[in-house]
Amino acid sequence: MKISAINVGDKLQGKVQEDMEHPFTGTVEKIYSNSALLTIDSYDPKDADNVAELNNKIVVNAQSLKKAK
């Protein structure tokens, strides 16, 4: 997804190999030049420890995001 197509408040789905094992959905809080800060809204229960460690927030490269269903 292009960064120009992302707006604050958008619900997006992402996958980040380094921090989360499974896809998750989140709400955009802040937009950077090539990434976005998301509040993690829903995730696989297996990632619960990772989400807690991240304080329910994650920065994701725009190319790893898509509109949530």
PDB file of N, CA and C in Angstrom:
ATOM      1  N   MET A   1       0.853  -1.170   0.000  1.00  0.00           N
ATOM      2  CA  MET A   1       0.000   0.000   0.000  1.00  0.00           C
ATOM      3  C   MET A   1       0.904   1.240   0.000  1.00  0.00           C
ATOM      4  N   LYS A   2       0.519   2.240  -0.756  1.00  0.00           N
ATOM      5  CA  LYS A   2       1.288   3.480  -0.793  1.00  0.00           C
ATOM      6  C   LYS A   2       0.973   4.327   0.432  1.00  0.00           C
ATOM      7  N   ILE A   3       1.980   5.010   0.941  1.00  0.00           N
ATOM      8  CA  ILE A   3       1.813   5.837   2.127  1.00  0.00           C
ATOM      9  C   ILE A   3       0.790   6.950   1.891  1.00  0.00           C
ATOM     10  N   SER A   4       0.697   7.426   0.656  1.00  0.00           N
ATOM     11  CA  SER A   4      -0.256   8.498   0.333  1.00  0.00           C
ATOM     12  C   SER A   4      -1.708   8.035   0.438  1.00  0.00           C
ATOM     13  N   ALA A   5      -1.943   6.730   0.424  1.00  0.00           N
ATOM     14  CA  ALA A   5      -3.304   6.183   0.517  1.00  0.00           C
ATOM     15  C   ALA A   5      -3.725   5.929   1.965  1.00  0.00           C
ATOM     16  N   ILE A   6      -2.828   6.185   2.904  1.00  0.00           N
ATOM     17  CA  ILE A   6      -3.110   5.919   4.311  1.00  0.00           C
ATOM     18  C   ILE A   6      -3.487   7.212   5.022  1.00  0.00           C
ATOM     19  N   ASN A   7      -4.544   7.151   5.829  1.00  0.00           N
ATOM     20  CA  ASN A   7      -5.005   8.306   6.601  1.00  0.00           C
ATOM     21  C   ASN A   7      -5.125   7.925   8.072  1.00  0.00           C
ATOM     22  N   VAL A   8      -4.953   8.903   8.949  1.00  0.00           N
ATOM     23  CA  VAL A   8      -5.149   8.675  10.384  1.00  0.00           C
ATOM     24  C   VAL A   8      -6.583   8.207  10.602  1.00  0.00           C
ATOM     25  N   GLY A   9      -6.750   7.162  11.402  1.00  0.00           N
ATOM     26  CA  GLY A   9      -8.074   6.605  11.670  1.00  0.00           C
ATOM     27  C   GLY A   9      -8.436   5.418  10.797  1.00  0.00           C
ATOM     28  N   ASP A  10      -7.668   5.160   9.736  1.00  0.00           N
ATOM     29  CA  ASP A  10      -7.945   4.012   8.868  1.00  0.00           C
ATOM     30  C   ASP A  10      -7.752   2.709   9.629  1.00  0.00           C
ATOM     31  N   LYS A  11      -8.594   1.732   9.322  1.00  0.00           N
ATOM     32  CA  LYS A  11      -8.436   0.377   9.852  1.00  0.00           C
ATOM     33  C   LYS A  11      -7.664  -0.417   8.801  1.00  0.00           C
ATOM     34  N   LEU A  12      -6.501  -0.933   9.191  1.00  0.00           N
ATOM     35  CA  LEU A  12      -5.638  -1.641   8.255  1.00  0.00           C
ATOM     36  C   LEU A  12      -5.237  -2.998   8.807  1.00  0.00           C
ATOM     37  N   GLN A  13      -4.897  -3.896   7.880  1.00  0.00           N
ATOM     38  CA  GLN A  13      -4.399  -5.209   8.261  1.00  0.00           C
ATOM     39  C   GLN A  13      -2.920  -5.255   7.925  1.00  0.00           C
ATOM     40  N   GLY A  14      -2.142  -5.833   8.812  1.00  0.00           N
ATOM     41  CA  GLY A  14      -0.704  -5.900   8.583  1.00  0.00           C
ATOM     42  C   GLY A  14      -0.119  -7.225   9.003  1.00  0.00           C
ATOM     43  N   LYS A  15       1.101  -7.447   8.554  1.00  0.00           N
ATOM     44  CA  LYS A  15       1.860  -8.638   8.944  1.00  0.00           C
ATOM     45  C   LYS A  15       3.302  -8.190   9.102  1.00  0.00           C
ATOM     46  N   VAL A  16       3.861  -8.422  10.292  1.00  0.00           N
ATOM     47  CA  VAL A  16       5.229  -8.027  10.589  1.00  0.00           C
ATOM     48  C   VAL A  16       5.960  -9.248  11.131  1.00  0.00           C
ATOM     49  N   GLN A  17       6.867  -9.789  10.352  1.00  0.00           N
ATOM     50  CA  GLN A  17       7.573 -11.012  10.738  1.00  0.00           C
ATOM     51  C   GLN A  17       8.370 -10.864  12.031  1.00  0.00           C
ATOM     52  N   GLU A  18       8.965  -9.704  12.246  1.00  0.00           N
ATOM     53  CA  GLU A  18       9.867  -9.538  13.389  1.00  0.00           C
ATOM     54  C   GLU A  18       9.133  -9.547  14.723  1.00  0.00           C
ATOM     55  N   ASP A  19       7.951  -8.948  14.795  1.00  0.00           N
ATOM     56  CA  ASP A  19       7.280  -8.752  16.070  1.00  0.00           C
ATOM     57  C   ASP A  19       6.012  -9.581  16.272  1.00  0.00           C
ATOM     58  N   MET A  20       5.351  -9.954  15.201  1.00  0.00           N
ATOM     59  CA  MET A  20       4.081 -10.684  15.298  1.00  0.00           C
ATOM     60  C   MET A  20       4.150 -11.888  14.358  1.00  0.00           C
ATOM     61  N   GLU A  21       3.719 -13.045  14.854  1.00  0.00           N
ATOM     62  CA  GLU A  21       3.764 -14.254  14.038  1.00  0.00           C
ATOM     63  C   GLU A  21       2.595 -14.344  13.058  1.00  0.00           C
ATOM     64  N   HIS A  22       1.485 -13.679  13.385  1.00  0.00           N
ATOM     65  CA  HIS A  22       0.270 -13.781  12.583  1.00  0.00           C
ATOM     66  C   HIS A  22      -0.213 -12.393  12.169  1.00  0.00           C
ATOM     67  N   PRO A  23      -1.070 -12.321  11.152  1.00  0.00           N
ATOM     68  CA  PRO A  23      -1.628 -11.019  10.748  1.00  0.00           C
ATOM     69  C   PRO A  23      -2.464 -10.403  11.872  1.00  0.00           C
ATOM     70  N   PHE A  24      -2.593  -9.093  11.835  1.00  0.00           N
ATOM     71  CA  PHE A  24      -3.352  -8.355  12.845  1.00  0.00           C
ATOM     72  C   PHE A  24      -4.034  -7.175  12.173  1.00  0.00           C
ATOM     73  N   THR A  25      -5.001  -6.583  12.841  1.00  0.00           N
ATOM     74  CA  THR A  25      -5.623  -5.358  12.354  1.00  0.00           C
ATOM     75  C   THR A  25      -5.401  -4.260  13.384  1.00  0.00           C
ATOM     76  N   GLY A  26      -5.312  -3.037  12.874  1.00  0.00           N
ATOM     77  CA  GLY A  26      -5.078  -1.909  13.753  1.00  0.00           C
ATOM     78  C   GLY A  26      -5.593  -0.618  13.167  1.00  0.00           C
ATOM     79  N   THR A  27      -5.594   0.412  13.987  1.00  0.00           N
ATOM     80  CA  THR A  27      -6.048   1.742  13.598  1.00  0.00           C
ATOM     81  C   THR A  27      -4.838   2.661  13.506  1.00  0.00           C
ATOM     82  N   VAL A  28      -4.751   3.409  12.405  1.00  0.00           N
ATOM     83  CA  VAL A  28      -3.616   4.306  12.185  1.00  0.00           C
ATOM     84  C   VAL A  28      -3.686   5.485  13.161  1.00  0.00           C
ATOM     85  N   GLU A  29      -2.601   5.693  13.900  1.00  0.00           N
ATOM     86  CA  GLU A  29      -2.493   6.824  14.824  1.00  0.00           C
ATOM     87  C   GLU A  29      -1.630   7.939  14.259  1.00  0.00           C
ATOM     88  N   LYS A  30      -0.557   7.556  13.565  1.00  0.00           N
ATOM     89  CA  LYS A  30       0.385   8.546  13.040  1.00  0.00           C
ATOM     90  C   LYS A  30       0.996   8.001  11.764  1.00  0.00           C
ATOM     91  N   ILE A  31       1.290   8.906  10.838  1.00  0.00           N
ATOM     92  CA  ILE A  31       1.866   8.515   9.559  1.00  0.00           C
ATOM     93  C   ILE A  31       3.277   9.101   9.451  1.00  0.00           C
ATOM     94  N   TYR A  32       4.221   8.252   9.067  1.00  0.00           N
ATOM     95  CA  TYR A  32       5.601   8.666   8.842  1.00  0.00           C
ATOM     96  C   TYR A  32       5.876   8.642   7.342  1.00  0.00           C
ATOM     97  N   SER A  33       7.105   8.877   6.927  1.00  0.00           N
ATOM     98  CA  SER A  33       7.409   8.962   5.491  1.00  0.00           C
ATOM     99  C   SER A  33       7.205   7.633   4.757  1.00  0.00           C
ATOM    100  N   ASN A  34       7.519   6.505   5.385  1.00  0.00           N
ATOM    101  CA  ASN A  34       7.360   5.201   4.731  1.00  0.00           C
ATOM    102  C   ASN A  34       6.625   4.175   5.583  1.00  0.00           C
ATOM    103  N   SER A  35       6.097   4.613   6.726  1.00  0.00           N
ATOM    104  CA  SER A  35       5.449   3.680   7.645  1.00  0.00           C
ATOM    105  C   SER A  35       4.345   4.383   8.418  1.00  0.00           C
ATOM    106  N   ALA A  36       3.641   3.596   9.232  1.00  0.00           N
ATOM    107  CA  ALA A  36       2.551   4.145  10.033  1.00  0.00           C
ATOM    108  C   ALA A  36       2.563   3.502  11.410  1.00  0.00           C
ATOM    109  N   LEU A  37       2.177   4.288  12.420  1.00  0.00           N
ATOM    110  CA  LEU A  37       2.023   3.788  13.779  1.00  0.00           C
ATOM    111  C   LEU A  37       0.582   3.334  13.934  1.00  0.00           C
ATOM    112  N   LEU A  38       0.395   2.078  14.324  1.00  0.00           N
ATOM    113  CA  LEU A  38      -0.937   1.512  14.499  1.00  0.00           C
ATOM    114  C   LEU A  38      -1.168   1.109  15.944  1.00  0.00           C
ATOM    115  N   THR A  39      -2.397   1.304  16.404  1.00  0.00           N
ATOM    116  CA  THR A  39      -2.850   0.702  17.650  1.00  0.00           C
ATOM    117  C   THR A  39      -3.415  -0.654  17.264  1.00  0.00           C
ATOM    118  N   ILE A  40      -2.920  -1.705  17.862  1.00  0.00           N
ATOM    119  CA  ILE A  40      -3.348  -3.058  17.503  1.00  0.00           C
ATOM    120  C   ILE A  40      -4.733  -3.320  18.099  1.00  0.00           C
ATOM    121  N   ASP A  41      -5.714  -3.586  17.221  1.00  0.00           N
ATOM    122  CA  ASP A  41      -7.102  -3.795  17.647  1.00  0.00           C
ATOM    123  C   ASP A  41      -7.449  -5.273  17.798  1.00  0.00           C
ATOM    124  N   SER A  42      -7.074  -6.083  16.828  1.00  0.00           N
ATOM    125  CA  SER A  42      -7.361  -7.513  16.917  1.00  0.00           C
ATOM    126  C   SER A  42      -6.164  -8.294  16.390  1.00  0.00           C
ATOM    127  N   TYR A  43      -5.964  -9.466  16.985  1.00  0.00           N
ATOM    128  CA  TYR A  43      -4.784 -10.255  16.674  1.00  0.00           C
ATOM    129  C   TYR A  43      -5.037 -11.702  17.057  1.00  0.00           C
ATOM    130  N   ASP A  44      -4.193 -12.590  16.580  1.00  0.00           N
ATOM    131  CA  ASP A  44      -4.277 -14.002  16.915  1.00  0.00           C
ATOM    132  C   ASP A  44      -3.914 -14.177  18.396  1.00  0.00           C
ATOM    133  N   PRO A  45      -4.667 -14.983  19.128  1.00  0.00           N
ATOM    134  CA  PRO A  45      -4.363 -15.190  20.554  1.00  0.00           C
ATOM    135  C   PRO A  45      -2.929 -15.656  20.813  1.00  0.00           C
ATOM    136  N   LYS A  46      -2.313 -16.316  19.846  1.00  0.00           N
ATOM    137  CA  LYS A  46      -0.932 -16.772  20.009  1.00  0.00           C
ATOM    138  C   LYS A  46       0.043 -15.593  20.110  1.00  0.00           C
ATOM    139  N   ASP A  47      -0.363 -14.410  19.641  1.00  0.00           N
ATOM    140  CA  ASP A  47       0.481 -13.223  19.683  1.00  0.00           C
ATOM    141  C   ASP A  47       0.207 -12.335  20.895  1.00  0.00           C
ATOM    142  N   ALA A  48      -0.590 -12.795  21.837  1.00  0.00           N
ATOM    143  CA  ALA A  48      -0.984 -11.970  22.991  1.00  0.00           C
ATOM    144  C   ALA A  48       0.222 -11.444  23.766  1.00  0.00           C
ATOM    145  N   ASP A  49       1.233 -12.282  23.987  1.00  0.00           N
ATOM    146  CA  ASP A  49       2.425 -11.835  24.708  1.00  0.00           C
ATOM    147  C   ASP A  49       3.167 -10.750  23.936  1.00  0.00           C
ATOM    148  N   ASN A  50       3.256 -10.912  22.614  1.00  0.00           N
ATOM    149  CA  ASN A  50       3.930  -9.910  21.774  1.00  0.00           C
ATOM    150  C   ASN A  50       3.185  -8.584  21.824  1.00  0.00           C
ATOM    151  N   VAL A  51       1.869  -8.624  21.751  1.00  0.00           N
ATOM    152  CA  VAL A  51       1.052  -7.401  21.778  1.00  0.00           C
ATOM    153  C   VAL A  51       1.239  -6.690  23.112  1.00  0.00           C
ATOM    154  N   ALA A  52       1.239  -7.438  24.198  1.00  0.00           N
ATOM    155  CA  ALA A  52       1.444  -6.836  25.522  1.00  0.00           C
ATOM    156  C   ALA A  52       2.826  -6.191  25.610  1.00  0.00           C
ATOM    157  N   GLU A  53       3.819  -6.856  25.066  1.00  0.00           N
ATOM    158  CA  GLU A  53       5.193  -6.324  25.076  1.00  0.00           C
ATOM    159  C   GLU A  53       5.296  -5.041  24.255  1.00  0.00           C
ATOM    160  N   LEU A  54       4.498  -4.954  23.191  1.00  0.00           N
ATOM    161  CA  LEU A  54       4.498  -3.774  22.318  1.00  0.00           C
ATOM    162  C   LEU A  54       3.564  -2.667  22.826  1.00  0.00           C
ATOM    163  N   ASN A  55       2.903  -2.904  23.953  1.00  0.00           N
ATOM    164  CA  ASN A  55       1.929  -1.937  24.493  1.00  0.00           C
ATOM    165  C   ASN A  55       0.822  -1.610  23.496  1.00  0.00           C
ATOM    166  N   ASN A  56       0.393  -2.614  22.736  1.00  0.00           N
ATOM    167  CA  ASN A  56      -0.694  -2.504  21.748  1.00  0.00           C
ATOM    168  C   ASN A  56      -0.406  -1.503  20.637  1.00  0.00           C
ATOM    169  N   LYS A  57       0.859  -1.193  20.386  1.00  0.00           N
ATOM    170  CA  LYS A  57       1.214  -0.268  19.303  1.00  0.00           C
ATOM    171  C   LYS A  57       2.363  -0.856  18.509  1.00  0.00           C
ATOM    172  N   ILE A  58       2.365  -0.570  17.197  1.00  0.00           N
ATOM    173  CA  ILE A  58       3.422  -1.087  16.341  1.00  0.00           C
ATOM    174  C   ILE A  58       3.608  -0.157  15.137  1.00  0.00           C
ATOM    175  N   VAL A  59       4.847   0.012  14.726  1.00  0.00           N
ATOM    176  CA  VAL A  59       5.157   0.770  13.515  1.00  0.00           C
ATOM    177  C   VAL A  59       5.341  -0.248  12.396  1.00  0.00           C
ATOM    178  N   VAL A  60       4.616  -0.034  11.291  1.00  0.00           N
ATOM    179  CA  VAL A  60       4.621  -0.986  10.187  1.00  0.00           C
ATOM    180  C   VAL A  60       4.958  -0.265   8.891  1.00  0.00           C
ATOM    181  N   ASN A  61       5.820  -0.873   8.091  1.00  0.00           N
ATOM    182  CA  ASN A  61       6.137  -0.347   6.769  1.00  0.00           C
ATOM    183  C   ASN A  61       4.853  -0.311   5.939  1.00  0.00           C
ATOM    184  N   ALA A  62       4.641   0.751   5.199  1.00  0.00           N
ATOM    185  CA  ALA A  62       3.411   0.923   4.408  1.00  0.00           C
ATOM    186  C   ALA A  62       3.203  -0.226   3.422  1.00  0.00           C
ATOM    187  N   GLN A  63       4.280  -0.790   2.899  1.00  0.00           N
ATOM    188  CA  GLN A  63       4.156  -1.882   1.927  1.00  0.00           C
ATOM    189  C   GLN A  63       3.615  -3.166   2.557  1.00  0.00           C
ATOM    190  N   SER A  64       3.648  -3.256   3.874  1.00  0.00           N
ATOM    191  CA  SER A  64       3.149  -4.445   4.581  1.00  0.00           C
ATOM    192  C   SER A  64       1.703  -4.283   5.042  1.00  0.00           C
ATOM    193  N   LEU A  65       1.047  -3.197   4.632  1.00  0.00           N
ATOM    194  CA  LEU A  65      -0.315  -2.914   5.068  1.00  0.00           C
ATOM    195  C   LEU A  65      -1.315  -3.034   3.939  1.00  0.00           C
ATOM    196  N   LYS A  66      -2.557  -3.367   4.289  1.00  0.00           N
ATOM    197  CA  LYS A  66      -3.659  -3.344   3.332  1.00  0.00           C
ATOM    198  C   LYS A  66      -4.925  -2.985   4.099  1.00  0.00           C
ATOM    199  N   LYS A  67      -5.945  -2.551   3.390  1.00  0.00           N
ATOM    200  CA  LYS A  67      -7.220  -2.187   4.013  1.00  0.00           C
ATOM    201  C   LYS A  67      -7.803  -3.396   4.714  1.00  0.00           C
ATOM    202  N   ALA A  68      -8.301  -3.189   5.922  1.00  0.00           N
ATOM    203  CA  ALA A  68      -8.929  -4.289   6.672  1.00  0.00           C
ATOM    204  C   ALA A  68     -10.282  -4.606   6.063  1.00  0.00           C
ATOM    205  N   LYS A  69     -10.683  -5.864   6.162  1.00  0.00           N
ATOM    206  CA  LYS A  69     -11.957  -6.301   5.594  1.00  0.00           C
ATOM    207  C   LYS A  69     -13.111  -5.930   6.484  1.00  0.00           C
TER     208      LYS A  69
END
